[in-house]
C-alpha cells in the first residue's frame, strides 16, 4: 500500500503569532502601553475576523483597535511586527 504524503503544516494564525510575541515582550519586562502592533492590512483584517478570539482579546474604542491591550496600527507596513517602544510615539 502506497504511503500518502503528510499534509503540510497548518499556518499559524496571526492571533497566535502576536499573542506569543506580546507574552514574550511582557516576560522580558515591556509594558503593554509601550508596545504597538504594526500590522499589514491583511493581518489586521484576519484579527478582526478571527472567531476563535475571546471578546476581551480585541477591542475598539475611540477609533483605536487593541489586541490583548496593545494598540494596533493597521497598514503602512509590508510585514507585521510588534514594536516594543511604539506605544509612546
PDB file of N, CA and C in Angstrom:
ATOM      1  N   UNK A   1       0.851  -1.166   0.000  1.00  0.00           N
ATOM      2  CA  UNK A   1       0.000   0.000   0.000  1.00  0.00           C
ATOM      3  C   UNK A   1       0.904   1.237   0.000  1.00  0.00           C
ATOM      4  N   UNK A   2       0.615   2.163  -0.885  1.00  0.00           N
ATOM      5  CA  UNK A   2       1.423   3.372  -1.014  1.00  0.00           C
ATOM      6  C   UNK A   2       1.123   4.329   0.135  1.00  0.00           C
ATOM      7  N   UNK A   3       2.170   4.935   0.599  1.00  0.00           N
ATOM      8  CA  UNK A   3       2.033   5.895   1.690  1.00  0.00           C
ATOM      9  C   UNK A   3       1.721   7.271   1.098  1.00  0.00           C
ATOM     10  N   UNK A   4       0.709   7.933   1.648  1.00  0.00           N
ATOM     11  CA  UNK A   4       0.375   9.273   1.173  1.00  0.00           C
ATOM     12  C   UNK A   4       1.266  10.289   1.892  1.00  0.00           C
ATOM     13  N   UNK A   5       1.646  11.325   1.190  1.00  0.00           N
ATOM     14  CA  UNK A   5       2.498  12.333   1.837  1.00  0.00           C
ATOM     15  C   UNK A   5       1.745  13.028   2.968  1.00  0.00           C
ATOM     16  N   UNK A   6       2.501  13.407   3.987  1.00  0.00           N
ATOM     17  CA  UNK A   6       1.889  14.134   5.107  1.00  0.00           C
ATOM     18  C   UNK A   6       1.391  15.481   4.623  1.00  0.00           C
ATOM     19  N   UNK A   7       0.309  15.904   5.202  1.00  0.00           N
ATOM     20  CA  UNK A   7      -0.237  17.208   4.859  1.00  0.00           C
ATOM     21  C   UNK A   7       0.729  18.292   5.343  1.00  0.00           C
ATOM     22  N   UNK A   8       0.837  19.371   4.613  1.00  0.00           N
ATOM     23  CA  UNK A   8       1.715  20.451   5.065  1.00  0.00           C
ATOM     24  C   UNK A   8       1.203  21.020   6.388  1.00  0.00           C
ATOM     25  N   UNK A   9       2.103  21.529   7.210  1.00  0.00           N
ATOM     26  CA  UNK A   9       1.643  22.075   8.485  1.00  0.00           C
ATOM     27  C   UNK A   9       0.715  23.259   8.268  1.00  0.00           C
ATOM     28  N   UNK A  10      -0.261  23.359   9.119  1.00  0.00           N
ATOM     29  CA  UNK A  10      -1.231  24.449   9.039  1.00  0.00           C
ATOM     30  C   UNK A  10      -0.533  25.747   9.451  1.00  0.00           C
ATOM     31  N   UNK A  11      -0.678  26.813   8.664  1.00  0.00           N
ATOM     32  CA  UNK A  11      -0.043  28.076   9.042  1.00  0.00           C
ATOM     33  C   UNK A  11      -0.629  28.599  10.350  1.00  0.00           C
ATOM     34  N   UNK A  12       0.201  29.211  11.157  1.00  0.00           N
ATOM     35  CA  UNK A  12      -0.279  29.782  12.421  1.00  0.00           C
ATOM     36  C   UNK A  12      -1.115  31.011  12.138  1.00  0.00           C
ATOM     37  N   UNK A  13      -2.157  31.169  12.915  1.00  0.00           N
ATOM     38  CA  UNK A  13      -3.000  32.358  12.801  1.00  0.00           C
ATOM     39  C   UNK A  13      -2.246  33.572  13.322  1.00  0.00           C
ATOM     40  N   UNK A  14      -2.563  34.731  12.802  1.00  0.00           N
ATOM     41  CA  UNK A  14      -1.948  35.980  13.258  1.00  0.00           C
ATOM     42  C   UNK A  14      -2.115  36.146  14.761  1.00  0.00           C
ATOM     43  N   UNK A  15      -3.288  35.817  15.279  1.00  0.00           N
ATOM     44  CA  UNK A  15      -3.536  35.965  16.716  1.00  0.00           C
ATOM     45  C   UNK A  15      -2.540  35.143  17.532  1.00  0.00           C
ATOM     46  N   UNK A  16      -2.243  33.926  17.101  1.00  0.00           N
ATOM     47  CA  UNK A  16      -1.288  33.075  17.820  1.00  0.00           C
ATOM     48  C   UNK A  16       0.112  33.684  17.793  1.00  0.00           C
ATOM     49  N   UNK A  17       0.508  34.161  16.627  1.00  0.00           N
ATOM     50  CA  UNK A  17       1.845  34.740  16.458  1.00  0.00           C
ATOM     51  C   UNK A  17       2.006  35.971  17.342  1.00  0.00           C
ATOM     52  N   UNK A  18       1.036  36.869  17.320  1.00  0.00           N
ATOM     53  CA  UNK A  18       1.164  38.112  18.071  1.00  0.00           C
ATOM     54  C   UNK A  18       0.930  37.913  19.561  1.00  0.00           C
ATOM     55  N   UNK A  19       0.114  36.952  19.945  1.00  0.00           N
ATOM     56  CA  UNK A  19      -0.062  36.642  21.366  1.00  0.00           C
ATOM     57  C   UNK A  19       1.280  36.183  21.948  1.00  0.00           C
ATOM     58  N   UNK A  20       1.979  35.316  21.217  1.00  0.00           N
ATOM     59  CA  UNK A  20       3.285  34.838  21.669  1.00  0.00           C
ATOM     60  C   UNK A  20       4.284  35.991  21.760  1.00  0.00           C
ATOM     61  N   UNK A  21       4.302  36.858  20.758  1.00  0.00           N
ATOM     62  CA  UNK A  21       5.225  37.993  20.755  1.00  0.00           C
ATOM     63  C   UNK A  21       4.946  38.927  21.929  1.00  0.00           C
ATOM     64  N   UNK A  22       3.675  39.199  22.205  1.00  0.00           N
ATOM     65  CA  UNK A  22       3.301  40.079  23.320  1.00  0.00           C
ATOM     66  C   UNK A  22       3.675  39.422  24.644  1.00  0.00           C
ATOM     67  N   UNK A  23       3.358  38.143  24.801  1.00  0.00           N
ATOM     68  CA  UNK A  23       3.706  37.418  26.031  1.00  0.00           C
ATOM     69  C   UNK A  23       5.210  37.438  26.276  1.00  0.00           C
ATOM     70  N   UNK A  24       6.000  37.238  25.219  1.00  0.00           N
ATOM     71  CA  UNK A  24       7.458  37.251  25.355  1.00  0.00           C
ATOM     72  C   UNK A  24       7.970  38.638  25.737  1.00  0.00           C
ATOM     73  N   UNK A  25       7.383  39.689  25.153  1.00  0.00           N
ATOM     74  CA  UNK A  25       7.796  41.053  25.477  1.00  0.00           C
ATOM     75  C   UNK A  25       7.470  41.400  26.925  1.00  0.00           C
ATOM     76  N   UNK A  26       6.285  40.993  27.387  1.00  0.00           N
ATOM     77  CA  UNK A  26       5.892  41.242  28.776  1.00  0.00           C
ATOM     78  C   UNK A  26       6.816  40.473  29.717  1.00  0.00           C
ATOM     79  N   UNK A  27       7.124  39.235  29.366  1.00  0.00           N
ATOM     80  CA  UNK A  27       8.047  38.439  30.185  1.00  0.00           C
ATOM     81  C   UNK A  27       9.432  39.080  30.238  1.00  0.00           C
ATOM     82  N   UNK A  28       9.793  39.806  29.185  1.00  0.00           N
ATOM     83  CA  UNK A  28      11.072  40.493  29.134  1.00  0.00           C
ATOM     84  C   UNK A  28      11.056  41.858  29.812  1.00  0.00           C
ATOM     85  N   UNK A  29       9.910  42.246  30.372  1.00  0.00           N
ATOM     86  CA  UNK A  29       9.826  43.486  31.127  1.00  0.00           C
ATOM     87  C   UNK A  29       9.151  44.646  30.423  1.00  0.00           C
ATOM     88  N   UNK A  30       8.659  44.457  29.208  1.00  0.00           N
ATOM     89  CA  UNK A  30       7.994  45.544  28.475  1.00  0.00           C
ATOM     90  C   UNK A  30       6.577  45.758  29.018  1.00  0.00           C
ATOM     91  N   UNK A  31       6.133  46.992  29.006  1.00  0.00           N
ATOM     92  CA  UNK A  31       4.775  47.330  29.431  1.00  0.00           C
ATOM     93  C   UNK A  31       3.868  47.374  28.205  1.00  0.00           C
ATOM     94  N   UNK A  32       2.609  46.990  28.388  1.00  0.00           N
ATOM     95  CA  UNK A  32       1.650  46.978  27.275  1.00  0.00           C
ATOM     96  C   UNK A  32       1.517  48.351  26.637  1.00  0.00           C
ATOM     97  N   UNK A  33       1.554  49.414  27.432  1.00  0.00           N
ATOM     98  CA  UNK A  33       1.412  50.775  26.903  1.00  0.00           C
ATOM     99  C   UNK A  33       2.615  51.209  26.067  1.00  0.00           C
ATOM    100  N   UNK A  34       3.734  50.498  26.197  1.00  0.00           N
ATOM    101  CA  UNK A  34       4.939  50.831  25.437  1.00  0.00           C
ATOM    102  C   UNK A  34       5.051  50.027  24.145  1.00  0.00           C
ATOM    103  N   UNK A  35       4.037  49.211  23.864  1.00  0.00           N
ATOM    104  CA  UNK A  35       4.065  48.363  22.668  1.00  0.00           C
ATOM    105  C   UNK A  35       3.063  48.847  21.639  1.00  0.00           C
ATOM    106  N   UNK A  36       3.350  48.517  20.374  1.00  0.00           N
ATOM    107  CA  UNK A  36       2.413  48.782  19.296  1.00  0.00           C
ATOM    108  C   UNK A  36       2.547  47.661  18.265  1.00  0.00           C
ATOM    109  N   UNK A  37       1.415  47.111  17.873  1.00  0.00           N
ATOM    110  CA  UNK A  37       1.396  46.126  16.792  1.00  0.00           C
ATOM    111  C   UNK A  37       1.244  46.877  15.487  1.00  0.00           C
ATOM    112  N   UNK A  38       2.246  46.807  14.650  1.00  0.00           N
ATOM    113  CA  UNK A  38       2.193  47.425  13.322  1.00  0.00           C
ATOM    114  C   UNK A  38       1.859  46.289  12.349  1.00  0.00           C
ATOM    115  N   UNK A  39       0.616  46.259  11.907  1.00  0.00           N
ATOM    116  CA  UNK A  39       0.118  45.134  11.116  1.00  0.00           C
ATOM    117  C   UNK A  39      -0.132  45.509   9.666  1.00  0.00           C
ATOM    118  N   UNK A  40       0.090  44.523   8.800  1.00  0.00           N
ATOM    119  CA  UNK A  40      -0.341  44.684   7.420  1.00  0.00           C
ATOM    120  C   UNK A  40      -1.869  44.736   7.435  1.00  0.00           C
ATOM    121  N   UNK A  41      -2.450  45.279   6.401  1.00  0.00           N
ATOM    122  CA  UNK A  41      -3.911  45.319   6.327  1.00  0.00           C
ATOM    123  C   UNK A  41      -4.499  43.914   6.374  1.00  0.00           C
ATOM    124  N   UNK A  42      -3.800  42.961   5.768  1.00  0.00           N
ATOM    125  CA  UNK A  42      -4.262  41.575   5.756  1.00  0.00           C
ATOM    126  C   UNK A  42      -4.282  40.977   7.169  1.00  0.00           C
ATOM    127  N   UNK A  43      -3.206  41.185   7.929  1.00  0.00           N
ATOM    128  CA  UNK A  43      -3.162  40.648   9.290  1.00  0.00           C
ATOM    129  C   UNK A  43      -4.183  41.336  10.191  1.00  0.00           C
ATOM    130  N   UNK A  44      -4.363  42.641  10.035  1.00  0.00           N
ATOM    131  CA  UNK A  44      -5.361  43.365  10.829  1.00  0.00           C
ATOM    132  C   UNK A  44      -6.761  42.831  10.524  1.00  0.00           C
ATOM    133  N   UNK A  45      -7.033  42.601   9.254  1.00  0.00           N
ATOM    134  CA  UNK A  45      -8.325  42.056   8.853  1.00  0.00           C
ATOM    135  C   UNK A  45      -8.532  40.656   9.424  1.00  0.00           C
ATOM    136  N   UNK A  46      -7.470  39.846   9.392  1.00  0.00           N
ATOM    137  CA  UNK A  46      -7.572  38.491   9.935  1.00  0.00           C
ATOM    138  C   UNK A  46      -7.890  38.527  11.426  1.00  0.00           C
ATOM    139  N   UNK A  47      -7.251  39.427  12.165  1.00  0.00           N
ATOM    140  CA  UNK A  47      -7.546  39.556  13.602  1.00  0.00           C
ATOM    141  C   UNK A  47      -9.002  39.929  13.827  1.00  0.00           C
ATOM    142  N   UNK A  48      -9.497  40.869  13.054  1.00  0.00           N
ATOM    143  CA  UNK A  48     -10.878  41.324  13.210  1.00  0.00           C
ATOM    144  C   UNK A  48     -11.884  40.201  12.936  1.00  0.00           C
ATOM    145  N   UNK A  49     -11.538  39.299  12.036  1.00  0.00           N
ATOM    146  CA  UNK A  49     -12.473  38.235  11.631  1.00  0.00           C
ATOM    147  C   UNK A  49     -12.276  36.930  12.392  1.00  0.00           C
ATOM    148  N   UNK A  50     -11.264  36.854  13.262  1.00  0.00           N
ATOM    149  CA  UNK A  50     -10.934  35.603  13.963  1.00  0.00           C
ATOM    150  C   UNK A  50     -11.996  35.286  15.015  1.00  0.00           C
ATOM    151  N   UNK A  51     -12.800  34.296  14.728  1.00  0.00           N
ATOM    152  CA  UNK A  51     -13.904  33.926  15.625  1.00  0.00           C
ATOM    153  C   UNK A  51     -13.445  33.104  16.820  1.00  0.00           C
ATOM    154  N   UNK A  52     -12.167  32.736  16.860  1.00  0.00           N
ATOM    155  CA  UNK A  52     -11.662  31.965  17.998  1.00  0.00           C
ATOM    156  C   UNK A  52     -11.195  32.866  19.141  1.00  0.00           C
ATOM    157  N   UNK A  53     -11.106  34.170  18.875  1.00  0.00           N
ATOM    158  CA  UNK A  53     -10.650  35.098  19.913  1.00  0.00           C
ATOM    159  C   UNK A  53     -11.752  35.350  20.936  1.00  0.00           C
ATOM    160  N   UNK A  54     -11.327  35.461  22.190  1.00  0.00           N
ATOM    161  CA  UNK A  54     -12.268  35.832  23.246  1.00  0.00           C
ATOM    162  C   UNK A  54     -12.628  37.306  23.066  1.00  0.00           C
ATOM    163  N   UNK A  55     -13.796  37.675  23.512  1.00  0.00           N
ATOM    164  CA  UNK A  55     -14.256  39.059  23.380  1.00  0.00           C
ATOM    165  C   UNK A  55     -13.289  40.020  24.050  1.00  0.00           C
ATOM    166  N   UNK A  56     -12.658  39.597  25.149  1.00  0.00           N
ATOM    167  CA  UNK A  56     -11.754  40.510  25.837  1.00  0.00           C
ATOM    168  C   UNK A  56     -10.398  40.652  25.149  1.00  0.00           C
ATOM    169  N   UNK A  57     -10.095  39.806  24.174  1.00  0.00           N
ATOM    170  CA  UNK A  57      -8.792  39.851  23.492  1.00  0.00           C
ATOM    171  C   UNK A  57      -8.661  41.017  22.514  1.00  0.00           C
ATOM    172  N   UNK A  58      -9.768  41.448  21.945  1.00  0.00           N
ATOM    173  CA  UNK A  58      -9.710  42.501  20.928  1.00  0.00           C
ATOM    174  C   UNK A  58     -10.755  43.562  21.266  1.00  0.00           C
ATOM    175  N   UNK A  59     -10.350  44.820  21.149  1.00  0.00           N
ATOM    176  CA  UNK A  59     -11.293  45.892  21.478  1.00  0.00           C
ATOM    177  C   UNK A  59     -11.130  47.056  20.507  1.00  0.00           C
ATOM    178  N   UNK A  60     -12.187  47.835  20.419  1.00  0.00           N
ATOM    179  CA  UNK A  60     -12.225  49.028  19.571  1.00  0.00           C
ATOM    180  C   UNK A  60     -12.821  50.141  20.417  1.00  0.00           C
ATOM    181  N   UNK A  61     -12.033  51.177  20.663  1.00  0.00           N
ATOM    182  CA  UNK A  61     -12.512  52.284  21.473  1.00  0.00           C
ATOM    183  C   UNK A  61     -11.890  53.575  20.976  1.00  0.00           C
ATOM    184  N   UNK A  62     -12.729  54.589  20.782  1.00  0.00           N
ATOM    185  CA  UNK A  62     -12.282  55.900  20.327  1.00  0.00           C
ATOM    186  C   UNK A  62     -11.416  55.810  19.071  1.00  0.00           C
ATOM    187  N   UNK A  63     -11.800  54.938  18.152  1.00  0.00           N
ATOM    188  CA  UNK A  63     -11.095  54.797  16.887  1.00  0.00           C
ATOM    189  C   UNK A  63      -9.791  54.029  16.961  1.00  0.00           C
ATOM    190  N   UNK A  64      -9.516  53.392  18.107  1.00  0.00           N
ATOM    191  CA  UNK A  64      -8.267  52.650  18.285  1.00  0.00           C
ATOM    192  C   UNK A  64      -8.578  51.165  18.490  1.00  0.00           C
ATOM    193  N   UNK A  65      -7.906  50.345  17.703  1.00  0.00           N
ATOM    194  CA  UNK A  65      -8.021  48.898  17.854  1.00  0.00           C
ATOM    195  C   UNK A  65      -6.914  48.438  18.791  1.00  0.00           C
ATOM    196  N   UNK A  66      -7.244  47.537  19.713  1.00  0.00           N
ATOM    197  CA  UNK A  66      -6.254  46.961  20.620  1.00  0.00           C
ATOM    198  C   UNK A  66      -6.391  45.442  20.611  1.00  0.00           C
ATOM    199  N   UNK A  67      -5.240  44.784  20.665  1.00  0.00           N
ATOM    200  CA  UNK A  67      -5.204  43.331  20.779  1.00  0.00           C
ATOM    201  C   UNK A  67      -4.423  42.997  22.042  1.00  0.00           C
ATOM    202  N   UNK A  68      -5.089  42.344  22.983  1.00  0.00           N
ATOM    203  CA  UNK A  68      -4.506  41.998  24.281  1.00  0.00           C
ATOM    204  C   UNK A  68      -3.963  43.234  24.994  1.00  0.00           C
ATOM    205  N   UNK A  69      -4.628  44.371  24.793  1.00  0.00           N
ATOM    206  CA  UNK A  69      -4.229  45.608  25.441  1.00  0.00           C
ATOM    207  C   UNK A  69      -3.174  46.406  24.699  1.00  0.00           C
ATOM    208  N   UNK A  70      -2.711  45.892  23.562  1.00  0.00           N
ATOM    209  CA  UNK A  70      -1.671  46.563  22.777  1.00  0.00           C
ATOM    210  C   UNK A  70      -2.326  47.283  21.601  1.00  0.00           C
ATOM    211  N   UNK A  71      -1.967  48.556  21.424  1.00  0.00           N
ATOM    212  CA  UNK A  71      -2.514  49.350  20.321  1.00  0.00           C
ATOM    213  C   UNK A  71      -2.103  48.746  18.987  1.00  0.00           C
ATOM    214  N   UNK A  72      -3.046  48.695  18.051  1.00  0.00           N
ATOM    215  CA  UNK A  72      -2.814  48.157  16.718  1.00  0.00           C
ATOM    216  C   UNK A  72      -2.845  49.298  15.706  1.00  0.00           C
ATOM    217  N   UNK A  73      -1.822  49.345  14.857  1.00  0.00           N
ATOM    218  CA  UNK A  73      -1.782  50.303  13.758  1.00  0.00           C
ATOM    219  C   UNK A  73      -1.816  49.505  12.457  1.00  0.00           C
ATOM    220  N   UNK A  74      -2.961  49.482  11.763  1.00  0.00           N
ATOM    221  CA  UNK A  74      -3.060  48.714  10.520  1.00  0.00           C
ATOM    222  C   UNK A  74      -2.576  49.499   9.314  1.00  0.00           C
ATOM    223  N   UNK A  75      -1.897  48.804   8.421  1.00  0.00           N
ATOM    224  CA  UNK A  75      -1.466  49.386   7.154  1.00  0.00           C
ATOM    225  C   UNK A  75      -0.154  50.128   7.255  1.00  0.00           C
ATOM    226  N   UNK A  76       0.413  50.417   6.096  1.00  0.00           N
ATOM    227  CA  UNK A  76       1.641  51.188   6.024  1.00  0.00           C
ATOM    228  C   UNK A  76       2.910  50.379   6.219  1.00  0.00           C
ATOM    229  N   UNK A  77       2.781  49.061   6.358  1.00  0.00           N
ATOM    230  CA  UNK A  77       3.954  48.200   6.512  1.00  0.00           C
ATOM    231  C   UNK A  77       3.834  47.019   5.555  1.00  0.00           C
ATOM    232  N   UNK A  78       4.981  46.468   5.173  1.00  0.00           N
ATOM    233  CA  UNK A  78       4.954  45.310   4.285  1.00  0.00           C
ATOM    234  C   UNK A  78       5.015  43.998   5.052  1.00  0.00           C
ATOM    235  N   UNK A  79       5.426  44.075   6.335  1.00  0.00           N
ATOM    236  CA  UNK A  79       5.441  42.897   7.202  1.00  0.00           C
ATOM    237  C   UNK A  79       5.015  43.336   8.591  1.00  0.00           C
ATOM    238  N   UNK A  80       4.161  42.552   9.217  1.00  0.00           N
ATOM    239  CA  UNK A  80       3.668  42.875  10.539  1.00  0.00           C
ATOM    240  C   UNK A  80       4.761  42.667  11.580  1.00  0.00           C
ATOM    241  N   UNK A  81       4.723  43.515  12.622  1.00  0.00           N
ATOM    242  CA  UNK A  81       5.708  43.392  13.694  1.00  0.00           C
ATOM    243  C   UNK A  81       5.169  43.989  14.979  1.00  0.00           C
ATOM    244  N   UNK A  82       5.788  43.589  16.068  1.00  0.00           N
ATOM    245  CA  UNK A  82       5.499  44.159  17.379  1.00  0.00           C
ATOM    246  C   UNK A  82       6.622  45.112  17.720  1.00  0.00           C
ATOM    247  N   UNK A  83       6.271  46.384  17.883  1.00  0.00           N
ATOM    248  CA  UNK A  83       7.244  47.409  18.262  1.00  0.00           C
ATOM    249  C   UNK A  83       7.113  47.586  19.767  1.00  0.00           C
ATOM    250  N   UNK A  84       8.158  47.271  20.520  1.00  0.00           N
ATOM    251  CA  UNK A  84       8.071  47.331  21.977  1.00  0.00           C
ATOM    252  C   UNK A  84       8.317  48.720  22.533  1.00  0.00           C
ATOM    253  N   UNK A  85       8.600  49.695  21.672  1.00  0.00           N
ATOM    254  CA  UNK A  85       8.747  51.075  22.132  1.00  0.00           C
ATOM    255  C   UNK A  85       7.803  52.004  21.394  1.00  0.00           C
ATOM    256  N   UNK A  86       6.840  51.433  20.662  1.00  0.00           N
ATOM    257  CA  UNK A  86       5.971  52.234  19.804  1.00  0.00           C
ATOM    258  C   UNK A  86       4.778  52.862  20.448  1.00  0.00           C
ATOM    259  N   UNK A  87       4.416  52.450  21.658  1.00  0.00           N
ATOM    260  CA  UNK A  87       3.213  52.985  22.295  1.00  0.00           C
ATOM    261  C   UNK A  87       3.330  54.437  22.677  1.00  0.00           C
ATOM    262  N   UNK A  88       4.542  54.883  22.984  1.00  0.00           N
ATOM    263  CA  UNK A  88       4.717  56.255  23.432  1.00  0.00           C
ATOM    264  C   UNK A  88       4.738  57.237  22.274  1.00  0.00           C
ATOM    265  N   UNK A  89       4.926  56.747  21.060  1.00  0.00           N
ATOM    266  CA  UNK A  89       5.030  57.636  19.902  1.00  0.00           C
ATOM    267  C   UNK A  89       3.679  58.133  19.451  1.00  0.00           C
TER     268      UNK A  89
END
